[in-house]
């Protein structure tokens, strides 16, 4: 099965939606990881700490993508 080649150029608004979607996925994944780490039983403390660490990383990456994209759009001339 072959996909048709798009007949129009991708607009900046479509790129904006894609970048913000990726940032939101990272942030939601980080929040879910933190909630699961907080609710982990005491027997799984080491795994909970590792999951919490990765949750904060996901939040940081998602926030950095969102802030970086906002700065890019703010200072770029259209």
PDB file of N, CA and C in Angstrom:
ATOM      1  N   UNK A   1       0.841  -1.176   0.000  1.00  0.00           N
ATOM      2  CA  UNK A   1       0.000   0.000   0.000  1.00  0.00           C
ATOM      3  C   UNK A   1       0.884   1.236   0.000  1.00  0.00           C
ATOM      4  N   UNK A   2       0.636   2.112  -0.927  1.00  0.00           N
ATOM      5  CA  UNK A   2       1.427   3.335  -1.025  1.00  0.00           C
ATOM      6  C   UNK A   2       0.575   4.513  -0.577  1.00  0.00           C
ATOM      7  N   UNK A   3       1.225   5.393   0.156  1.00  0.00           N
ATOM      8  CA  UNK A   3       0.546   6.607   0.601  1.00  0.00           C
ATOM      9  C   UNK A   3       0.728   7.693  -0.453  1.00  0.00           C
ATOM     10  N   UNK A   4      -0.302   8.460  -0.717  1.00  0.00           N
ATOM     11  CA  UNK A   4      -0.144   9.531  -1.710  1.00  0.00           C
ATOM     12  C   UNK A   4       0.778  10.634  -1.180  1.00  0.00           C
ATOM     13  N   UNK A   5       1.515  11.210  -2.076  1.00  0.00           N
ATOM     14  CA  UNK A   5       2.399  12.316  -1.711  1.00  0.00           C
ATOM     15  C   UNK A   5       1.539  13.546  -1.457  1.00  0.00           C
ATOM     16  N   UNK A   6       1.801  14.248  -0.350  1.00  0.00           N
ATOM     17  CA  UNK A   6       0.983  15.441  -0.079  1.00  0.00           C
ATOM     18  C   UNK A   6       1.091  16.459  -1.207  1.00  0.00           C
ATOM     19  N   UNK A   7      -0.020  17.068  -1.533  1.00  0.00           N
ATOM     20  CA  UNK A   7      -0.035  17.999  -2.656  1.00  0.00           C
ATOM     21  C   UNK A   7       0.249  19.437  -2.239  1.00  0.00           C
ATOM     22  N   UNK A   8       0.353  19.686  -0.929  1.00  0.00           N
ATOM     23  CA  UNK A   8       0.627  21.050  -0.477  1.00  0.00           C
ATOM     24  C   UNK A   8       1.749  21.025   0.562  1.00  0.00           C
ATOM     25  N   UNK A   9       2.388  22.153   0.718  1.00  0.00           N
ATOM     26  CA  UNK A   9       3.460  22.276   1.696  1.00  0.00           C
ATOM     27  C   UNK A   9       2.875  22.278   3.113  1.00  0.00           C
ATOM     28  N   UNK A  10       3.668  21.799   4.046  1.00  0.00           N
ATOM     29  CA  UNK A  10       3.253  21.818   5.440  1.00  0.00           C
ATOM     30  C   UNK A  10       3.321  23.250   5.959  1.00  0.00           C
ATOM     31  N   UNK A  11       2.280  23.673   6.634  1.00  0.00           N
ATOM     32  CA  UNK A  11       2.216  25.044   7.131  1.00  0.00           C
ATOM     33  C   UNK A  11       2.877  25.151   8.498  1.00  0.00           C
ATOM     34  N   UNK A  12       3.277  26.356   8.893  1.00  0.00           N
ATOM     35  CA  UNK A  12       3.839  26.533  10.237  1.00  0.00           C
ATOM     36  C   UNK A  12       2.856  26.154  11.341  1.00  0.00           C
ATOM     37  N   UNK A  13       1.573  26.338  11.106  1.00  0.00           N
ATOM     38  CA  UNK A  13       0.581  25.960  12.115  1.00  0.00           C
ATOM     39  C   UNK A  13       0.557  24.448  12.319  1.00  0.00           C
ATOM     40  N   UNK A  14       0.752  23.687  11.254  1.00  0.00           N
ATOM     41  CA  UNK A  14       0.796  22.233  11.387  1.00  0.00           C
ATOM     42  C   UNK A  14       2.034  21.784  12.151  1.00  0.00           C
ATOM     43  N   UNK A  15       3.160  22.447  11.907  1.00  0.00           N
ATOM     44  CA  UNK A  15       4.351  22.146  12.690  1.00  0.00           C
ATOM     45  C   UNK A  15       4.138  22.515  14.161  1.00  0.00           C
ATOM     46  N   UNK A  16       3.467  23.623  14.423  1.00  0.00           N
ATOM     47  CA  UNK A  16       3.201  24.047  15.797  1.00  0.00           C
ATOM     48  C   UNK A  16       2.356  23.013  16.526  1.00  0.00           C
ATOM     49  N   UNK A  17       1.347  22.485  15.855  1.00  0.00           N
ATOM     50  CA  UNK A  17       0.507  21.458  16.469  1.00  0.00           C
ATOM     51  C   UNK A  17       1.323  20.219  16.788  1.00  0.00           C
ATOM     52  N   UNK A  18       2.189  19.814  15.886  1.00  0.00           N
ATOM     53  CA  UNK A  18       3.022  18.635  16.101  1.00  0.00           C
ATOM     54  C   UNK A  18       3.974  18.822  17.276  1.00  0.00           C
ATOM     55  N   UNK A  19       4.648  19.958  17.341  1.00  0.00           N
ATOM     56  CA  UNK A  19       5.602  20.213  18.423  1.00  0.00           C
ATOM     57  C   UNK A  19       4.887  20.288  19.767  1.00  0.00           C
ATOM     58  N   UNK A  20       3.758  20.968  19.825  1.00  0.00           N
ATOM     59  CA  UNK A  20       3.035  21.072  21.094  1.00  0.00           C
ATOM     60  C   UNK A  20       2.450  19.721  21.497  1.00  0.00           C
ATOM     61  N   UNK A  21       2.024  18.910  20.531  1.00  0.00           N
ATOM     62  CA  UNK A  21       1.537  17.571  20.850  1.00  0.00           C
ATOM     63  C   UNK A  21       2.650  16.736  21.490  1.00  0.00           C
ATOM     64  N   UNK A  22       3.845  16.814  20.933  1.00  0.00           N
ATOM     65  CA  UNK A  22       4.974  16.064  21.488  1.00  0.00           C
ATOM     66  C   UNK A  22       5.298  16.553  22.894  1.00  0.00           C
ATOM     67  N   UNK A  23       5.290  17.869  23.115  1.00  0.00           N
ATOM     68  CA  UNK A  23       5.560  18.420  24.440  1.00  0.00           C
ATOM     69  C   UNK A  23       4.504  17.958  25.446  1.00  0.00           C
ATOM     70  N   UNK A  24       3.245  17.971  25.043  1.00  0.00           N
ATOM     71  CA  UNK A  24       2.166  17.552  25.943  1.00  0.00           C
ATOM     72  C   UNK A  24       2.269  16.064  26.259  1.00  0.00           C
ATOM     73  N   UNK A  25       2.655  15.250  25.286  1.00  0.00           N
ATOM     74  CA  UNK A  25       2.830  13.811  25.548  1.00  0.00           C
ATOM     75  C   UNK A  25       3.940  13.590  26.573  1.00  0.00           C
ATOM     76  N   UNK A  26       5.033  14.309  26.458  1.00  0.00           N
ATOM     77  CA  UNK A  26       6.113  14.190  27.438  1.00  0.00           C
ATOM     78  C   UNK A  26       5.627  14.616  28.824  1.00  0.00           C
ATOM     79  N   UNK A  27       4.916  15.720  28.911  1.00  0.00           N
ATOM     80  CA  UNK A  27       4.460  16.216  30.203  1.00  0.00           C
ATOM     81  C   UNK A  27       3.445  15.264  30.833  1.00  0.00           C
ATOM     82  N   UNK A  28       2.504  14.770  30.046  1.00  0.00           N
ATOM     83  CA  UNK A  28       1.517  13.829  30.588  1.00  0.00           C
ATOM     84  C   UNK A  28       2.196  12.530  31.021  1.00  0.00           C
ATOM     85  N   UNK A  29       3.161  12.060  30.253  1.00  0.00           N
ATOM     86  CA  UNK A  29       3.893  10.849  30.641  1.00  0.00           C
ATOM     87  C   UNK A  29       4.651  11.062  31.948  1.00  0.00           C
ATOM     88  N   UNK A  30       5.236  12.234  32.114  1.00  0.00           N
ATOM     89  CA  UNK A  30       5.938  12.542  33.358  1.00  0.00           C
ATOM     90  C   UNK A  30       5.013  12.589  34.547  1.00  0.00           C
ATOM     91  N   UNK A  31       3.839  13.174  34.381  1.00  0.00           N
ATOM     92  CA  UNK A  31       2.869  13.234  35.476  1.00  0.00           C
ATOM     93  C   UNK A  31       2.392  11.831  35.840  1.00  0.00           C
ATOM     94  N   UNK A  32       2.123  11.012  34.841  1.00  0.00           N
ATOM     95  CA  UNK A  32       1.690   9.633  35.103  1.00  0.00           C
ATOM     96  C   UNK A  32       2.794   8.860  35.828  1.00  0.00           C
ATOM     97  N   UNK A  33       4.040   9.042  35.398  1.00  0.00           N
ATOM     98  CA  UNK A  33       5.160   8.359  36.049  1.00  0.00           C
ATOM     99  C   UNK A  33       5.283   8.784  37.502  1.00  0.00           C
ATOM    100  N   UNK A  34       5.111  10.069  37.791  1.00  0.00           N
ATOM    101  CA  UNK A  34       5.197  10.533  39.176  1.00  0.00           C
ATOM    102  C   UNK A  34       4.055   9.987  40.024  1.00  0.00           C
ATOM    103  N   UNK A  35       2.859   9.929  39.471  1.00  0.00           N
ATOM    104  CA  UNK A  35       1.722   9.394  40.219  1.00  0.00           C
ATOM    105  C   UNK A  35       1.935   7.912  40.530  1.00  0.00           C
ATOM    106  N   UNK A  36       2.406   7.155  39.552  1.00  0.00           N
ATOM    107  CA  UNK A  36       2.670   5.738  39.779  1.00  0.00           C
ATOM    108  C   UNK A  36       3.793   5.561  40.798  1.00  0.00           C
ATOM    109  N   UNK A  37       4.818   6.394  40.738  1.00  0.00           N
ATOM    110  CA  UNK A  37       5.924   6.293  41.695  1.00  0.00           C
ATOM    111  C   UNK A  37       5.463   6.615  43.110  1.00  0.00           C
ATOM    112  N   UNK A  38       4.570   7.583  43.259  1.00  0.00           N
ATOM    113  CA  UNK A  38       4.075   7.944  44.588  1.00  0.00           C
ATOM    114  C   UNK A  38       3.216   6.818  45.164  1.00  0.00           C
ATOM    115  N   UNK A  39       2.438   6.156  44.309  1.00  0.00           N
ATOM    116  CA  UNK A  39       1.526   5.108  44.763  1.00  0.00           C
ATOM    117  C   UNK A  39       2.185   3.736  44.858  1.00  0.00           C
ATOM    118  N   UNK A  40       3.462   3.632  44.565  1.00  0.00           N
ATOM    119  CA  UNK A  40       4.151   2.342  44.594  1.00  0.00           C
ATOM    120  C   UNK A  40       4.250   1.817  46.027  1.00  0.00           C
ATOM    121  N   UNK A  41       4.159   0.496  46.204  1.00  0.00           N
ATOM    122  CA  UNK A  41       4.289  -0.068  47.552  1.00  0.00           C
ATOM    123  C   UNK A  41       5.717   0.065  48.072  1.00  0.00           C
ATOM    124  N   UNK A  42       5.860  -0.086  49.374  1.00  0.00           N
ATOM    125  CA  UNK A  42       7.165   0.087  50.014  1.00  0.00           C
ATOM    126  C   UNK A  42       8.174  -0.961  49.550  1.00  0.00           C
ATOM    127  N   UNK A  43       7.685  -2.134  49.149  1.00  0.00           N
ATOM    128  CA  UNK A  43       8.599  -3.185  48.703  1.00  0.00           C
ATOM    129  C   UNK A  43       9.296  -2.814  47.390  1.00  0.00           C
ATOM    130  N   UNK A  44       8.725  -1.932  46.637  1.00  0.00           N
ATOM    131  CA  UNK A  44       9.267  -1.535  45.327  1.00  0.00           C
ATOM    132  C   UNK A  44       9.906  -0.149  45.394  1.00  0.00           C
ATOM    133  N   UNK A  45      10.538   0.164  46.501  1.00  0.00           N
ATOM    134  CA  UNK A  45      11.079   1.511  46.712  1.00  0.00           C
ATOM    135  C   UNK A  45      12.120   1.885  45.653  1.00  0.00           C
ATOM    136  N   UNK A  46      13.040   0.971  45.342  1.00  0.00           N
ATOM    137  CA  UNK A  46      14.089   1.293  44.359  1.00  0.00           C
ATOM    138  C   UNK A  46      13.493   1.567  42.980  1.00  0.00           C
ATOM    139  N   UNK A  47      12.507   0.768  42.584  1.00  0.00           N
ATOM    140  CA  UNK A  47      11.858   1.006  41.293  1.00  0.00           C
ATOM    141  C   UNK A  47      11.075   2.318  41.303  1.00  0.00           C
ATOM    142  N   UNK A  48      10.459   2.629  42.443  1.00  0.00           N
ATOM    143  CA  UNK A  48       9.705   3.879  42.546  1.00  0.00           C
ATOM    144  C   UNK A  48      10.624   5.091  42.427  1.00  0.00           C
ATOM    145  N   UNK A  49      11.794   5.006  43.034  1.00  0.00           N
ATOM    146  CA  UNK A  49      12.757   6.108  42.948  1.00  0.00           C
ATOM    147  C   UNK A  49      13.235   6.276  41.503  1.00  0.00           C
ATOM    148  N   UNK A  50      13.503   5.174  40.825  1.00  0.00           N
ATOM    149  CA  UNK A  50      13.930   5.250  39.420  1.00  0.00           C
ATOM    150  C   UNK A  50      12.817   5.822  38.549  1.00  0.00           C
ATOM    151  N   UNK A  51      11.583   5.390  38.796  1.00  0.00           N
ATOM    152  CA  UNK A  51      10.456   5.907  38.024  1.00  0.00           C
ATOM    153  C   UNK A  51      10.228   7.393  38.307  1.00  0.00           C
ATOM    154  N   UNK A  52      10.401   7.800  39.549  1.00  0.00           N
ATOM    155  CA  UNK A  52      10.271   9.221  39.887  1.00  0.00           C
ATOM    156  C   UNK A  52      11.335  10.050  39.175  1.00  0.00           C
ATOM    157  N   UNK A  53      12.545   9.532  39.124  1.00  0.00           N
ATOM    158  CA  UNK A  53      13.644  10.217  38.434  1.00  0.00           C
ATOM    159  C   UNK A  53      13.300  10.412  36.953  1.00  0.00           C
ATOM    160  N   UNK A  54      12.825   9.359  36.326  1.00  0.00           N
ATOM    161  CA  UNK A  54      12.451   9.459  34.911  1.00  0.00           C
ATOM    162  C   UNK A  54      11.233  10.335  34.693  1.00  0.00           C
ATOM    163  N   UNK A  55      10.322  10.347  35.655  1.00  0.00           N
ATOM    164  CA  UNK A  55       9.162  11.224  35.557  1.00  0.00           C
ATOM    165  C   UNK A  55       9.562  12.689  35.559  1.00  0.00           C
ATOM    166  N   UNK A  56      10.509  13.035  36.438  1.00  0.00           N
ATOM    167  CA  UNK A  56      10.981  14.420  36.445  1.00  0.00           C
ATOM    168  C   UNK A  56      11.722  14.765  35.161  1.00  0.00           C
ATOM    169  N   UNK A  57      12.466  13.802  34.615  1.00  0.00           N
ATOM    170  CA  UNK A  57      13.133  14.035  33.334  1.00  0.00           C
ATOM    171  C   UNK A  57      12.120  14.277  32.222  1.00  0.00           C
ATOM    172  N   UNK A  58      11.055  13.471  32.200  1.00  0.00           N
ATOM    173  CA  UNK A  58      10.021  13.660  31.180  1.00  0.00           C
ATOM    174  C   UNK A  58       9.363  15.031  31.308  1.00  0.00           C
ATOM    175  N   UNK A  59       9.076  15.442  32.540  1.00  0.00           N
ATOM    176  CA  UNK A  59       8.503  16.775  32.743  1.00  0.00           C
ATOM    177  C   UNK A  59       9.462  17.860  32.261  1.00  0.00           C
ATOM    178  N   UNK A  60      10.734  17.703  32.567  1.00  0.00           N
ATOM    179  CA  UNK A  60      11.729  18.689  32.142  1.00  0.00           C
ATOM    180  C   UNK A  60      11.879  18.759  30.633  1.00  0.00           C
ATOM    181  N   UNK A  61      11.900  17.605  29.985  1.00  0.00           N
ATOM    182  CA  UNK A  61      12.028  17.585  28.526  1.00  0.00           C
ATOM    183  C   UNK A  61      10.804  18.210  27.877  1.00  0.00           C
ATOM    184  N   UNK A  62       9.608  17.851  28.359  1.00  0.00           N
ATOM    185  CA  UNK A  62       8.384  18.434  27.807  1.00  0.00           C
ATOM    186  C   UNK A  62       8.323  19.930  28.019  1.00  0.00           C
ATOM    187  N   UNK A  63       8.707  20.383  29.204  1.00  0.00           N
ATOM    188  CA  UNK A  63       8.735  21.819  29.467  1.00  0.00           C
ATOM    189  C   UNK A  63       9.769  22.541  28.616  1.00  0.00           C
ATOM    190  N   UNK A  64      10.932  21.917  28.426  1.00  0.00           N
ATOM    191  CA  UNK A  64      11.973  22.534  27.600  1.00  0.00           C
ATOM    192  C   UNK A  64      11.522  22.637  26.145  1.00  0.00           C
ATOM    193  N   UNK A  65      10.838  21.618  25.645  1.00  0.00           N
ATOM    194  CA  UNK A  65      10.328  21.681  24.273  1.00  0.00           C
ATOM    195  C   UNK A  65       9.316  22.814  24.152  1.00  0.00           C
ATOM    196  N   UNK A  66       8.393  22.904  25.110  1.00  0.00           N
ATOM    197  CA  UNK A  66       7.361  23.941  25.053  1.00  0.00           C
ATOM    198  C   UNK A  66       7.964  25.341  25.162  1.00  0.00           C
ATOM    199  N   UNK A  67       8.868  25.540  26.102  1.00  0.00           N
ATOM    200  CA  UNK A  67       9.487  26.859  26.278  1.00  0.00           C
ATOM    201  C   UNK A  67      10.371  27.202  25.078  1.00  0.00           C
ATOM    202  N   UNK A  68      11.139  26.232  24.594  1.00  0.00           N
ATOM    203  CA  UNK A  68      11.985  26.483  23.428  1.00  0.00           C
ATOM    204  C   UNK A  68      11.169  26.840  22.203  1.00  0.00           C
ATOM    205  N   UNK A  69      10.065  26.143  22.005  1.00  0.00           N
ATOM    206  CA  UNK A  69       9.210  26.455  20.864  1.00  0.00           C
ATOM    207  C   UNK A  69       8.556  27.819  21.021  1.00  0.00           C
ATOM    208  N   UNK A  70       8.141  28.148  22.252  1.00  0.00           N
ATOM    209  CA  UNK A  70       7.548  29.468  22.496  1.00  0.00           C
ATOM    210  C   UNK A  70       8.571  30.565  22.208  1.00  0.00           C
ATOM    211  N   UNK A  71       9.802  30.377  22.669  1.00  0.00           N
ATOM    212  CA  UNK A  71      10.843  31.368  22.399  1.00  0.00           C
ATOM    213  C   UNK A  71      11.132  31.477  20.912  1.00  0.00           C
ATOM    214  N   UNK A  72      11.162  30.342  20.225  1.00  0.00           N
ATOM    215  CA  UNK A  72      11.394  30.349  18.780  1.00  0.00           C
ATOM    216  C   UNK A  72      10.314  31.149  18.076  1.00  0.00           C
ATOM    217  N   UNK A  73       9.062  30.907  18.427  1.00  0.00           N
ATOM    218  CA  UNK A  73       7.963  31.635  17.774  1.00  0.00           C
ATOM    219  C   UNK A  73       7.948  33.101  18.176  1.00  0.00           C
ATOM    220  N   UNK A  74       8.388  33.393  19.386  1.00  0.00           N
ATOM    221  CA  UNK A  74       8.369  34.784  19.885  1.00  0.00           C
ATOM    222  C   UNK A  74       9.400  35.640  19.162  1.00  0.00           C
ATOM    223  N   UNK A  75      10.578  35.083  18.910  1.00  0.00           N
ATOM    224  CA  UNK A  75      11.661  35.889  18.350  1.00  0.00           C
ATOM    225  C   UNK A  75      11.859  35.712  16.842  1.00  0.00           C
ATOM    226  N   UNK A  76      11.103  34.823  16.229  1.00  0.00           N
ATOM    227  CA  UNK A  76      11.217  34.638  14.794  1.00  0.00           C
ATOM    228  C   UNK A  76      10.304  35.607  14.082  1.00  0.00           C
ATOM    229  N   UNK A  77      10.804  36.220  13.042  1.00  0.00           N
ATOM    230  CA  UNK A  77       9.981  37.155  12.258  1.00  0.00           C
ATOM    231  C   UNK A  77       9.195  36.396  11.216  1.00  0.00           C
ATOM    232  N   UNK A  78       7.949  36.714  11.121  1.00  0.00           N
ATOM    233  CA  UNK A  78       7.097  36.098  10.088  1.00  0.00           C
ATOM    234  C   UNK A  78       6.770  37.098   9.019  1.00  0.00           C
TER     235      UNK A  78
END
